[in-house]
Amino acid sequence: MKQVTGKELEELLKGDKTVFADFWATWCAPCRMLAPIFESVAEKYADQAVFVKVNVDEETEAAIRYGVSSIPNVIAFRGGSVANNSLGYVPEEELETFVQENI
């Protein structure tokens, strides 16, 4: 799973595909629980959207810019803007539904 900086995320948002960014931190247990689920869903929809991870401790400005105040937080970006978000740990079926609804 590709880790991106805030600047790299901004560049990805200029593209045509929906971008799903998992904002997380190493010390966050729910983030670690969500990671394999996010990766599994990303593999299923890799041809339809872009999936990346953003470490909030390393990319504080990006977290602030996109209103991330709690993690894990998966944000769906469409047309360069926040379209929706999924906050906290969710089971795979729920995350997959979130992705399907926001592609």
PDB file of N, CA and C in Angstrom:
ATOM      1  N   MET A   1       0.854  -1.181   0.000  1.00  0.00           N
ATOM      2  CA  MET A   1       0.000   0.000   0.000  1.00  0.00           C
ATOM      3  C   MET A   1       0.894   1.237   0.000  1.00  0.00           C
ATOM      4  N   LYS A   2       0.635   2.136  -0.905  1.00  0.00           N
ATOM      5  CA  LYS A   2       1.470   3.325  -1.050  1.00  0.00           C
ATOM      6  C   LYS A   2       1.179   4.355   0.046  1.00  0.00           C
ATOM      7  N   GLN A   3       2.256   4.753   0.724  1.00  0.00           N
ATOM      8  CA  GLN A   3       2.202   5.855   1.688  1.00  0.00           C
ATOM      9  C   GLN A   3       2.489   7.131   0.902  1.00  0.00           C
ATOM     10  N   VAL A   4       1.711   8.167   1.126  1.00  0.00           N
ATOM     11  CA  VAL A   4       1.939   9.407   0.391  1.00  0.00           C
ATOM     12  C   VAL A   4       2.085  10.590   1.338  1.00  0.00           C
ATOM     13  N   THR A   5       2.770  11.605   0.838  1.00  0.00           N
ATOM     14  CA  THR A   5       2.886  12.868   1.558  1.00  0.00           C
ATOM     15  C   THR A   5       1.673  13.727   1.205  1.00  0.00           C
ATOM     16  N   GLY A   6       1.532  14.818   1.894  1.00  0.00           N
ATOM     17  CA  GLY A   6       0.453  15.746   1.585  1.00  0.00           C
ATOM     18  C   GLY A   6       0.544  16.264   0.160  1.00  0.00           C
ATOM     19  N   LYS A   7       1.770  16.562  -0.295  1.00  0.00           N
ATOM     20  CA  LYS A   7       1.964  17.066  -1.662  1.00  0.00           C
ATOM     21  C   LYS A   7       1.620  15.992  -2.689  1.00  0.00           C
ATOM     22  N   GLU A   8       2.021  14.746  -2.415  1.00  0.00           N
ATOM     23  CA  GLU A   8       1.686  13.657  -3.336  1.00  0.00           C
ATOM     24  C   GLU A   8       0.175  13.453  -3.405  1.00  0.00           C
ATOM     25  N   LEU A   9      -0.490  13.573  -2.272  1.00  0.00           N
ATOM     26  CA  LEU A   9      -1.945  13.440  -2.253  1.00  0.00           C
ATOM     27  C   LEU A   9      -2.583  14.535  -3.103  1.00  0.00           C
ATOM     28  N   GLU A  10      -2.106  15.755  -2.968  1.00  0.00           N
ATOM     29  CA  GLU A  10      -2.634  16.861  -3.769  1.00  0.00           C
ATOM     30  C   GLU A  10      -2.512  16.569  -5.257  1.00  0.00           C
ATOM     31  N   GLU A  11      -1.382  15.999  -5.669  1.00  0.00           N
ATOM     32  CA  GLU A  11      -1.184  15.652  -7.083  1.00  0.00           C
ATOM     33  C   GLU A  11      -2.166  14.571  -7.525  1.00  0.00           C
ATOM     34  N   LEU A  12      -2.371  13.562  -6.675  1.00  0.00           N
ATOM     35  CA  LEU A  12      -3.313  12.490  -7.009  1.00  0.00           C
ATOM     36  C   LEU A  12      -4.733  13.027  -7.160  1.00  0.00           C
ATOM     37  N   LEU A  13      -5.080  14.031  -6.380  1.00  0.00           N
ATOM     38  CA  LEU A  13      -6.429  14.591  -6.413  1.00  0.00           C
ATOM     39  C   LEU A  13      -6.722  15.324  -7.721  1.00  0.00           C
ATOM     40  N   LYS A  14      -5.690  15.609  -8.499  1.00  0.00           N
ATOM     41  CA  LYS A  14      -5.875  16.266  -9.797  1.00  0.00           C
ATOM     42  C   LYS A  14      -6.307  15.274 -10.875  1.00  0.00           C
ATOM     43  N   GLY A  15      -6.217  13.981 -10.568  1.00  0.00           N
ATOM     44  CA  GLY A  15      -6.575  12.950 -11.541  1.00  0.00           C
ATOM     45  C   GLY A  15      -8.075  12.765 -11.663  1.00  0.00           C
ATOM     46  N   ASP A  16      -8.458  11.865 -12.566  1.00  0.00           N
ATOM     47  CA  ASP A  16      -9.878  11.619 -12.844  1.00  0.00           C
ATOM     48  C   ASP A  16     -10.524  10.619 -11.899  1.00  0.00           C
ATOM     49  N   LYS A  17      -9.717   9.769 -11.271  1.00  0.00           N
ATOM     50  CA  LYS A  17     -10.277   8.715 -10.420  1.00  0.00           C
ATOM     51  C   LYS A  17     -10.546   9.215  -9.005  1.00  0.00           C
ATOM     52  N   THR A  18     -11.523   8.580  -8.360  1.00  0.00           N
ATOM     53  CA  THR A  18     -11.756   8.830  -6.941  1.00  0.00           C
ATOM     54  C   THR A  18     -10.530   8.356  -6.170  1.00  0.00           C
ATOM     55  N   VAL A  19     -10.122   9.119  -5.175  1.00  0.00           N
ATOM     56  CA  VAL A  19      -8.986   8.753  -4.324  1.00  0.00           C
ATOM     57  C   VAL A  19      -9.524   8.440  -2.930  1.00  0.00           C
ATOM     58  N   PHE A  20      -9.149   7.271  -2.416  1.00  0.00           N
ATOM     59  CA  PHE A  20      -9.484   6.889  -1.047  1.00  0.00           C
ATOM     60  C   PHE A  20      -8.195   6.948  -0.243  1.00  0.00           C
ATOM     61  N   ALA A  21      -8.152   7.822   0.754  1.00  0.00           N
ATOM     62  CA  ALA A  21      -6.962   7.995   1.581  1.00  0.00           C
ATOM     63  C   ALA A  21      -7.267   7.561   3.008  1.00  0.00           C
ATOM     64  N   ASP A  22      -6.471   6.623   3.492  1.00  0.00           N
ATOM     65  CA  ASP A  22      -6.590   6.135   4.868  1.00  0.00           C
ATOM     66  C   ASP A  22      -5.638   6.947   5.739  1.00  0.00           C
ATOM     67  N   PHE A  23      -6.184   7.848   6.547  1.00  0.00           N
ATOM     68  CA  PHE A  23      -5.383   8.638   7.480  1.00  0.00           C
ATOM     69  C   PHE A  23      -5.224   7.818   8.753  1.00  0.00           C
ATOM     70  N   TRP A  24      -3.974   7.598   9.165  1.00  0.00           N
ATOM     71  CA  TRP A  24      -3.683   6.658  10.242  1.00  0.00           C
ATOM     72  C   TRP A  24      -2.428   7.091  11.006  1.00  0.00           C
ATOM     73  N   ALA A  25      -2.090   6.333  12.073  1.00  0.00           N
ATOM     74  CA  ALA A  25      -0.842   6.529  12.824  1.00  0.00           C
ATOM     75  C   ALA A  25      -0.388   5.176  13.361  1.00  0.00           C
ATOM     76  N   THR A  26       0.910   5.041  13.576  1.00  0.00           N
ATOM     77  CA  THR A  26       1.473   3.763  14.032  1.00  0.00           C
ATOM     78  C   THR A  26       0.989   3.375  15.422  1.00  0.00           C
ATOM     79  N   TRP A  27       0.710   4.360  16.271  1.00  0.00           N
ATOM     80  CA  TRP A  27       0.303   4.091  17.659  1.00  0.00           C
ATOM     81  C   TRP A  27      -1.186   3.786  17.796  1.00  0.00           C
ATOM     82  N   CYS A  28      -1.931   3.862  16.712  1.00  0.00           N
ATOM     83  CA  CYS A  28      -3.394   3.719  16.729  1.00  0.00           C
ATOM     84  C   CYS A  28      -3.793   2.261  16.477  1.00  0.00           C
ATOM     85  N   ALA A  29      -4.270   1.579  17.524  1.00  0.00           N
ATOM     86  CA  ALA A  29      -4.655   0.166  17.394  1.00  0.00           C
ATOM     87  C   ALA A  29      -5.781  -0.045  16.379  1.00  0.00           C
ATOM     88  N   PRO A  30      -6.852   0.762  16.396  1.00  0.00           N
ATOM     89  CA  PRO A  30      -7.892   0.571  15.379  1.00  0.00           C
ATOM     90  C   PRO A  30      -7.361   0.771  13.951  1.00  0.00           C
ATOM     91  N   CYS A  31      -6.363   1.648  13.807  1.00  0.00           N
ATOM     92  CA  CYS A  31      -5.751   1.856  12.486  1.00  0.00           C
ATOM     93  C   CYS A  31      -5.060   0.582  12.016  1.00  0.00           C
ATOM     94  N   ARG A  32      -4.353  -0.061  12.928  1.00  0.00           N
ATOM     95  CA  ARG A  32      -3.660  -1.313  12.578  1.00  0.00           C
ATOM     96  C   ARG A  32      -4.663  -2.409  12.247  1.00  0.00           C
ATOM     97  N   MET A  33      -5.816  -2.400  12.912  1.00  0.00           N
ATOM     98  CA  MET A  33      -6.861  -3.387  12.626  1.00  0.00           C
ATOM     99  C   MET A  33      -7.496  -3.129  11.255  1.00  0.00           C
ATOM    100  N   LEU A  34      -7.633  -1.861  10.887  1.00  0.00           N
ATOM    101  CA  LEU A  34      -8.254  -1.506   9.616  1.00  0.00           C
ATOM    102  C   LEU A  34      -7.314  -1.723   8.429  1.00  0.00           C
ATOM    103  N   ALA A  35      -6.006  -1.658   8.655  1.00  0.00           N
ATOM    104  CA  ALA A  35      -5.033  -1.709   7.559  1.00  0.00           C
ATOM    105  C   ALA A  35      -5.227  -2.891   6.608  1.00  0.00           C
ATOM    106  N   PRO A  36      -5.315  -4.144   7.096  1.00  0.00           N
ATOM    107  CA  PRO A  36      -5.480  -5.250   6.146  1.00  0.00           C
ATOM    108  C   PRO A  36      -6.828  -5.209   5.423  1.00  0.00           C
ATOM    109  N   ILE A  37      -7.835  -4.657   6.059  1.00  0.00           N
ATOM    110  CA  ILE A  37      -9.154  -4.524   5.426  1.00  0.00           C
ATOM    111  C   ILE A  37      -9.075  -3.492   4.304  1.00  0.00           C
ATOM    112  N   PHE A  38      -8.447  -2.355   4.577  1.00  0.00           N
ATOM    113  CA  PHE A  38      -8.279  -1.309   3.564  1.00  0.00           C
ATOM    114  C   PHE A  38      -7.504  -1.862   2.372  1.00  0.00           C
ATOM    115  N   GLU A  39      -6.444  -2.627   2.651  1.00  0.00           N
ATOM    116  CA  GLU A  39      -5.637  -3.203   1.575  1.00  0.00           C
ATOM    117  C   GLU A  39      -6.432  -4.207   0.754  1.00  0.00           C
ATOM    118  N   SER A  40      -7.247  -5.016   1.401  1.00  0.00           N
ATOM    119  CA  SER A  40      -8.068  -6.003   0.701  1.00  0.00           C
ATOM    120  C   SER A  40      -9.076  -5.323  -0.224  1.00  0.00           C
ATOM    121  N   VAL A  41      -9.752  -4.316   0.283  1.00  0.00           N
ATOM    122  CA  VAL A  41     -10.729  -3.583  -0.528  1.00  0.00           C
ATOM    123  C   VAL A  41     -10.009  -2.844  -1.662  1.00  0.00           C
ATOM    124  N   ALA A  42      -8.843  -2.290  -1.374  1.00  0.00           N
ATOM    125  CA  ALA A  42      -8.063  -1.583  -2.394  1.00  0.00           C
ATOM    126  C   ALA A  42      -7.710  -2.513  -3.550  1.00  0.00           C
ATOM    127  N   GLU A  43      -7.348  -3.746  -3.245  1.00  0.00           N
ATOM    128  CA  GLU A  43      -7.019  -4.711  -4.296  1.00  0.00           C
ATOM    129  C   GLU A  43      -8.228  -4.978  -5.187  1.00  0.00           C
ATOM    130  N   LYS A  44      -9.411  -5.081  -4.593  1.00  0.00           N
ATOM    131  CA  LYS A  44     -10.632  -5.379  -5.356  1.00  0.00           C
ATOM    132  C   LYS A  44     -11.009  -4.245  -6.308  1.00  0.00           C
ATOM    133  N   TYR A  45     -10.721  -3.012  -5.910  1.00  0.00           N
ATOM    134  CA  TYR A  45     -11.175  -1.855  -6.681  1.00  0.00           C
ATOM    135  C   TYR A  45     -10.018  -1.043  -7.269  1.00  0.00           C
ATOM    136  N   ALA A  46      -8.840  -1.640  -7.365  1.00  0.00           N
ATOM    137  CA  ALA A  46      -7.648  -0.927  -7.825  1.00  0.00           C
ATOM    138  C   ALA A  46      -7.792  -0.369  -9.237  1.00  0.00           C
ATOM    139  N   ASP A  47      -8.605  -1.007 -10.071  1.00  0.00           N
ATOM    140  CA  ASP A  47      -8.777  -0.525 -11.440  1.00  0.00           C
ATOM    141  C   ASP A  47      -9.793   0.617 -11.538  1.00  0.00           C
ATOM    142  N   GLN A  48     -10.528   0.867 -10.465  1.00  0.00           N
ATOM    143  CA  GLN A  48     -11.583   1.882 -10.496  1.00  0.00           C
ATOM    144  C   GLN A  48     -11.267   3.131  -9.679  1.00  0.00           C
ATOM    145  N   ALA A  49     -10.315   3.031  -8.757  1.00  0.00           N
ATOM    146  CA  ALA A  49     -10.001   4.155  -7.867  1.00  0.00           C
ATOM    147  C   ALA A  49      -8.548   4.053  -7.419  1.00  0.00           C
ATOM    148  N   VAL A  50      -8.082   5.104  -6.757  1.00  0.00           N
ATOM    149  CA  VAL A  50      -6.722   5.153  -6.211  1.00  0.00           C
ATOM    150  C   VAL A  50      -6.828   5.017  -4.695  1.00  0.00           C
ATOM    151  N   PHE A  51      -5.979   4.166  -4.112  1.00  0.00           N
ATOM    152  CA  PHE A  51      -5.987   3.926  -2.668  1.00  0.00           C
ATOM    153  C   PHE A  51      -4.603   4.228  -2.111  1.00  0.00           C
ATOM    154  N   VAL A  52      -4.552   5.089  -1.087  1.00  0.00           N
ATOM    155  CA  VAL A  52      -3.279   5.465  -0.468  1.00  0.00           C
ATOM    156  C   VAL A  52      -3.452   5.585   1.041  1.00  0.00           C
ATOM    157  N   LYS A  53      -2.315   5.636   1.732  1.00  0.00           N
ATOM    158  CA  LYS A  53      -2.306   5.834   3.179  1.00  0.00           C
ATOM    159  C   LYS A  53      -1.542   7.118   3.487  1.00  0.00           C
ATOM    160  N   VAL A  54      -2.024   7.845   4.512  1.00  0.00           N
ATOM    161  CA  VAL A  54      -1.380   9.085   4.942  1.00  0.00           C
ATOM    162  C   VAL A  54      -1.151   8.992   6.447  1.00  0.00           C
ATOM    163  N   ASN A  55       0.114   9.030   6.862  1.00  0.00           N
ATOM    164  CA  ASN A  55       0.465   8.973   8.278  1.00  0.00           C
ATOM    165  C   ASN A  55       0.275  10.372   8.877  1.00  0.00           C
ATOM    166  N   VAL A  56      -0.672  10.505   9.803  1.00  0.00           N
ATOM    167  CA  VAL A  56      -1.001  11.828  10.349  1.00  0.00           C
ATOM    168  C   VAL A  56       0.133  12.427  11.182  1.00  0.00           C
ATOM    169  N   ASP A  57       0.991  11.587  11.748  1.00  0.00           N
ATOM    170  CA  ASP A  57       2.117  12.107  12.524  1.00  0.00           C
ATOM    171  C   ASP A  57       3.176  12.715  11.616  1.00  0.00           C
ATOM    172  N   GLU A  58       3.328  12.163  10.420  1.00  0.00           N
ATOM    173  CA  GLU A  58       4.316  12.666   9.466  1.00  0.00           C
ATOM    174  C   GLU A  58       3.742  13.752   8.560  1.00  0.00           C
ATOM    175  N   GLU A  59       2.444  13.738   8.375  1.00  0.00           N
ATOM    176  CA  GLU A  59       1.775  14.673   7.455  1.00  0.00           C
ATOM    177  C   GLU A  59       0.677  15.449   8.184  1.00  0.00           C
ATOM    178  N   THR A  60       1.086  16.153   9.236  1.00  0.00           N
ATOM    179  CA  THR A  60       0.145  16.893  10.074  1.00  0.00           C
ATOM    180  C   THR A  60      -0.636  17.933   9.278  1.00  0.00           C
ATOM    181  N   GLU A  61       0.045  18.640   8.383  1.00  0.00           N
ATOM    182  CA  GLU A  61      -0.631  19.682   7.597  1.00  0.00           C
ATOM    183  C   GLU A  61      -1.747  19.097   6.746  1.00  0.00           C
ATOM    184  N   ALA A  62      -1.501  17.936   6.137  1.00  0.00           N
ATOM    185  CA  ALA A  62      -2.533  17.295   5.306  1.00  0.00           C
ATOM    186  C   ALA A  62      -3.720  16.891   6.173  1.00  0.00           C
ATOM    187  N   ALA A  63      -3.445  16.357   7.353  1.00  0.00           N
ATOM    188  CA  ALA A  63      -4.528  15.954   8.256  1.00  0.00           C
ATOM    189  C   ALA A  63      -5.385  17.160   8.633  1.00  0.00           C
ATOM    190  N   ILE A  64      -4.741  18.273   8.931  1.00  0.00           N
ATOM    191  CA  ILE A  64      -5.475  19.489   9.284  1.00  0.00           C
ATOM    192  C   ILE A  64      -6.258  20.009   8.081  1.00  0.00           C
ATOM    193  N   ARG A  65      -5.610  20.039   6.921  1.00  0.00           N
ATOM    194  CA  ARG A  65      -6.243  20.552   5.698  1.00  0.00           C
ATOM    195  C   ARG A  65      -7.543  19.823   5.382  1.00  0.00           C
ATOM    196  N   TYR A  66      -7.563  18.509   5.621  1.00  0.00           N
ATOM    197  CA  TYR A  66      -8.740  17.711   5.262  1.00  0.00           C
ATOM    198  C   TYR A  66      -9.627  17.391   6.465  1.00  0.00           C
ATOM    199  N   GLY A  67      -9.412  18.100   7.575  1.00  0.00           N
ATOM    200  CA  GLY A  67     -10.308  18.008   8.723  1.00  0.00           C
ATOM    201  C   GLY A  67     -10.241  16.710   9.493  1.00  0.00           C
ATOM    202  N   VAL A  68      -9.085  16.059   9.468  1.00  0.00           N
ATOM    203  CA  VAL A  68      -8.933  14.792  10.185  1.00  0.00           C
ATOM    204  C   VAL A  68      -8.639  15.096  11.652  1.00  0.00           C
ATOM    205  N   SER A  69      -9.603  14.798  12.516  1.00  0.00           N
ATOM    206  CA  SER A  69      -9.411  15.025  13.948  1.00  0.00           C
ATOM    207  C   SER A  69      -9.445  13.724  14.730  1.00  0.00           C
ATOM    208  N   SER A  70      -9.809  12.640  14.059  1.00  0.00           N
ATOM    209  CA  SER A  70      -9.862  11.322  14.683  1.00  0.00           C
ATOM    210  C   SER A  70      -9.455  10.289  13.638  1.00  0.00           C
ATOM    211  N   ILE A  71      -8.798   9.223  14.090  1.00  0.00           N
ATOM    212  CA  ILE A  71      -8.335   8.186  13.164  1.00  0.00           C
ATOM    213  C   ILE A  71      -8.710   6.808  13.686  1.00  0.00           C
ATOM    214  N   PRO A  72      -8.793   5.808  12.826  1.00  0.00           N
ATOM    215  CA  PRO A  72      -8.605   5.881  11.379  1.00  0.00           C
ATOM    216  C   PRO A  72      -9.745   6.644  10.713  1.00  0.00           C
ATOM    217  N   ASN A  73      -9.402   7.282   9.625  1.00  0.00           N
ATOM    218  CA  ASN A  73     -10.372   8.058   8.867  1.00  0.00           C
ATOM    219  C   ASN A  73     -10.078   7.849   7.385  1.00  0.00           C
ATOM    220  N   VAL A  74     -10.955   7.140   6.699  1.00  0.00           N
ATOM    221  CA  VAL A  74     -10.805   6.929   5.261  1.00  0.00           C
ATOM    222  C   VAL A  74     -11.628   8.002   4.564  1.00  0.00           C
ATOM    223  N   ILE A  75     -10.942   8.835   3.792  1.00  0.00           N
ATOM    224  CA  ILE A  75     -11.614   9.925   3.089  1.00  0.00           C
ATOM    225  C   ILE A  75     -11.689   9.599   1.606  1.00  0.00           C
ATOM    226  N   ALA A  76     -12.876   9.793   1.039  1.00  0.00           N
ATOM    227  CA  ALA A  76     -13.086   9.656  -0.400  1.00  0.00           C
ATOM    228  C   ALA A  76     -13.022  11.051  -1.011  1.00  0.00           C
ATOM    229  N   PHE A  77     -12.113  11.228  -1.970  1.00  0.00           N
ATOM    230  CA  PHE A  77     -11.971  12.496  -2.679  1.00  0.00           C
ATOM    231  C   PHE A  77     -12.451  12.314  -4.115  1.00  0.00           C
ATOM    232  N   ARG A  78     -13.321  13.205  -4.569  1.00  0.00           N
ATOM    233  CA  ARG A  78     -13.763  13.217  -5.964  1.00  0.00           C
ATOM    234  C   ARG A  78     -13.628  14.635  -6.487  1.00  0.00           C
ATOM    235  N   GLY A  79     -13.075  14.748  -7.684  1.00  0.00           N
ATOM    236  CA  GLY A  79     -12.918  16.083  -8.267  1.00  0.00           C
ATOM    237  C   GLY A  79     -12.044  16.991  -7.434  1.00  0.00           C
ATOM    238  N   GLY A  80     -11.104  16.405  -6.692  1.00  0.00           N
ATOM    239  CA  GLY A  80     -10.170  17.186  -5.897  1.00  0.00           C
ATOM    240  C   GLY A  80     -10.670  17.612  -4.530  1.00  0.00           C
ATOM    241  N   SER A  81     -11.906  17.248  -4.199  1.00  0.00           N
ATOM    242  CA  SER A  81     -12.490  17.658  -2.918  1.00  0.00           C
ATOM    243  C   SER A  81     -12.961  16.459  -2.109  1.00  0.00           C
ATOM    244  N   VAL A  82     -13.100  16.674  -0.807  1.00  0.00           N
ATOM    245  CA  VAL A  82     -13.634  15.628   0.068  1.00  0.00           C
ATOM    246  C   VAL A  82     -15.084  15.371  -0.325  1.00  0.00           C
ATOM    247  N   ALA A  83     -15.393  14.111  -0.642  1.00  0.00           N
ATOM    248  CA  ALA A  83     -16.758  13.732  -1.009  1.00  0.00           C
ATOM    249  C   ALA A  83     -17.469  13.061   0.160  1.00  0.00           C
ATOM    250  N   ASN A  84     -16.707  12.297   0.959  1.00  0.00           N
ATOM    251  CA  ASN A  84     -17.302  11.538   2.056  1.00  0.00           C
ATOM    252  C   ASN A  84     -16.169  10.989   2.914  1.00  0.00           C
ATOM    253  N   ASN A  85     -16.507  10.488   4.100  1.00  0.00           N
ATOM    254  CA  ASN A  85     -15.483   9.834   4.905  1.00  0.00           C
ATOM    255  C   ASN A  85     -16.093   8.719   5.745  1.00  0.00           C
ATOM    256  N   SER A  86     -15.231   7.784   6.103  1.00  0.00           N
ATOM    257  CA  SER A  86     -15.596   6.661   6.964  1.00  0.00           C
ATOM    258  C   SER A  86     -14.695   6.744   8.183  1.00  0.00           C
ATOM    259  N   LEU A  87     -15.284   7.017   9.332  1.00  0.00           N
ATOM    260  CA  LEU A  87     -14.513   7.269  10.544  1.00  0.00           C
ATOM    261  C   LEU A  87     -14.492   6.048  11.447  1.00  0.00           C
ATOM    262  N   GLY A  88     -13.298   5.703  11.930  1.00  0.00           N
ATOM    263  CA  GLY A  88     -13.148   4.595  12.864  1.00  0.00           C
ATOM    264  C   GLY A  88     -13.003   3.253  12.169  1.00  0.00           C
ATOM    265  N   TYR A  89     -12.807   2.233  12.987  1.00  0.00           N
ATOM    266  CA  TYR A  89     -12.689   0.870  12.463  1.00  0.00           C
ATOM    267  C   TYR A  89     -14.050   0.408  11.943  1.00  0.00           C
ATOM    268  N   VAL A  90     -14.054  -0.206  10.771  1.00  0.00           N
ATOM    269  CA  VAL A  90     -15.277  -0.802  10.219  1.00  0.00           C
ATOM    270  C   VAL A  90     -14.923  -2.168   9.643  1.00  0.00           C
ATOM    271  N   PRO A  91     -15.878  -3.117   9.648  1.00  0.00           N
ATOM    272  CA  PRO A  91     -15.620  -4.414   9.037  1.00  0.00           C
ATOM    273  C   PRO A  91     -15.484  -4.277   7.514  1.00  0.00           C
ATOM    274  N   GLU A  92     -14.917  -5.287   6.895  1.00  0.00           N
ATOM    275  CA  GLU A  92     -14.630  -5.224   5.460  1.00  0.00           C
ATOM    276  C   GLU A  92     -15.876  -4.945   4.624  1.00  0.00           C
ATOM    277  N   GLU A  93     -16.988  -5.586   4.950  1.00  0.00           N
ATOM    278  CA  GLU A  93     -18.210  -5.389   4.162  1.00  0.00           C
ATOM    279  C   GLU A  93     -18.640  -3.924   4.180  1.00  0.00           C
ATOM    280  N   GLU A  94     -18.506  -3.295   5.339  1.00  0.00           N
ATOM    281  CA  GLU A  94     -18.910  -1.894   5.470  1.00  0.00           C
ATOM    282  C   GLU A  94     -17.978  -0.974   4.690  1.00  0.00           C
ATOM    283  N   LEU A  95     -16.673  -1.239   4.751  1.00  0.00           N
ATOM    284  CA  LEU A  95     -15.726  -0.422   3.995  1.00  0.00           C
ATOM    285  C   LEU A  95     -15.936  -0.624   2.497  1.00  0.00           C
ATOM    286  N   GLU A  96     -16.201  -1.849   2.097  1.00  0.00           N
ATOM    287  CA  GLU A  96     -16.442  -2.116   0.679  1.00  0.00           C
ATOM    288  C   GLU A  96     -17.693  -1.374   0.193  1.00  0.00           C
ATOM    289  N   THR A  97     -18.731  -1.352   0.997  1.00  0.00           N
ATOM    290  CA  THR A  97     -19.946  -0.608   0.646  1.00  0.00           C
ATOM    291  C   THR A  97     -19.635   0.880   0.525  1.00  0.00           C
ATOM    292  N   PHE A  98     -18.839   1.410   1.463  1.00  0.00           N
ATOM    293  CA  PHE A  98     -18.428   2.813   1.418  1.00  0.00           C
ATOM    294  C   PHE A  98     -17.705   3.116   0.103  1.00  0.00           C
ATOM    295  N   VAL A  99     -16.793   2.232  -0.293  1.00  0.00           N
ATOM    296  CA  VAL A  99     -16.049   2.423  -1.545  1.00  0.00           C
ATOM    297  C   VAL A  99     -17.008   2.373  -2.734  1.00  0.00           C
ATOM    298  N   GLN A 100     -17.865   1.371  -2.776  1.00  0.00           N
ATOM    299  CA  GLN A 100     -18.816   1.243  -3.886  1.00  0.00           C
ATOM    300  C   GLN A 100     -19.692   2.487  -4.024  1.00  0.00           C
ATOM    301  N   GLU A 101     -20.131   3.032  -2.912  1.00  0.00           N
ATOM    302  CA  GLU A 101     -21.015   4.202  -2.937  1.00  0.00           C
ATOM    303  C   GLU A 101     -20.296   5.486  -3.334  1.00  0.00           C
ATOM    304  N   ASN A 102     -18.960   5.486  -3.230  1.00  0.00           N
ATOM    305  CA  ASN A 102     -18.212   6.723  -3.476  1.00  0.00           C
ATOM    306  C   ASN A 102     -17.317   6.694  -4.703  1.00  0.00           C
ATOM    307  N   ILE A 103     -17.282   5.573  -5.399  1.00  0.00           N
ATOM    308  CA  ILE A 103     -16.516   5.529  -6.653  1.00  0.00           C
ATOM    309  C   ILE A 103     -17.271   6.355  -7.658  1.00  0.00           C
TER     310      ILE A 103
END
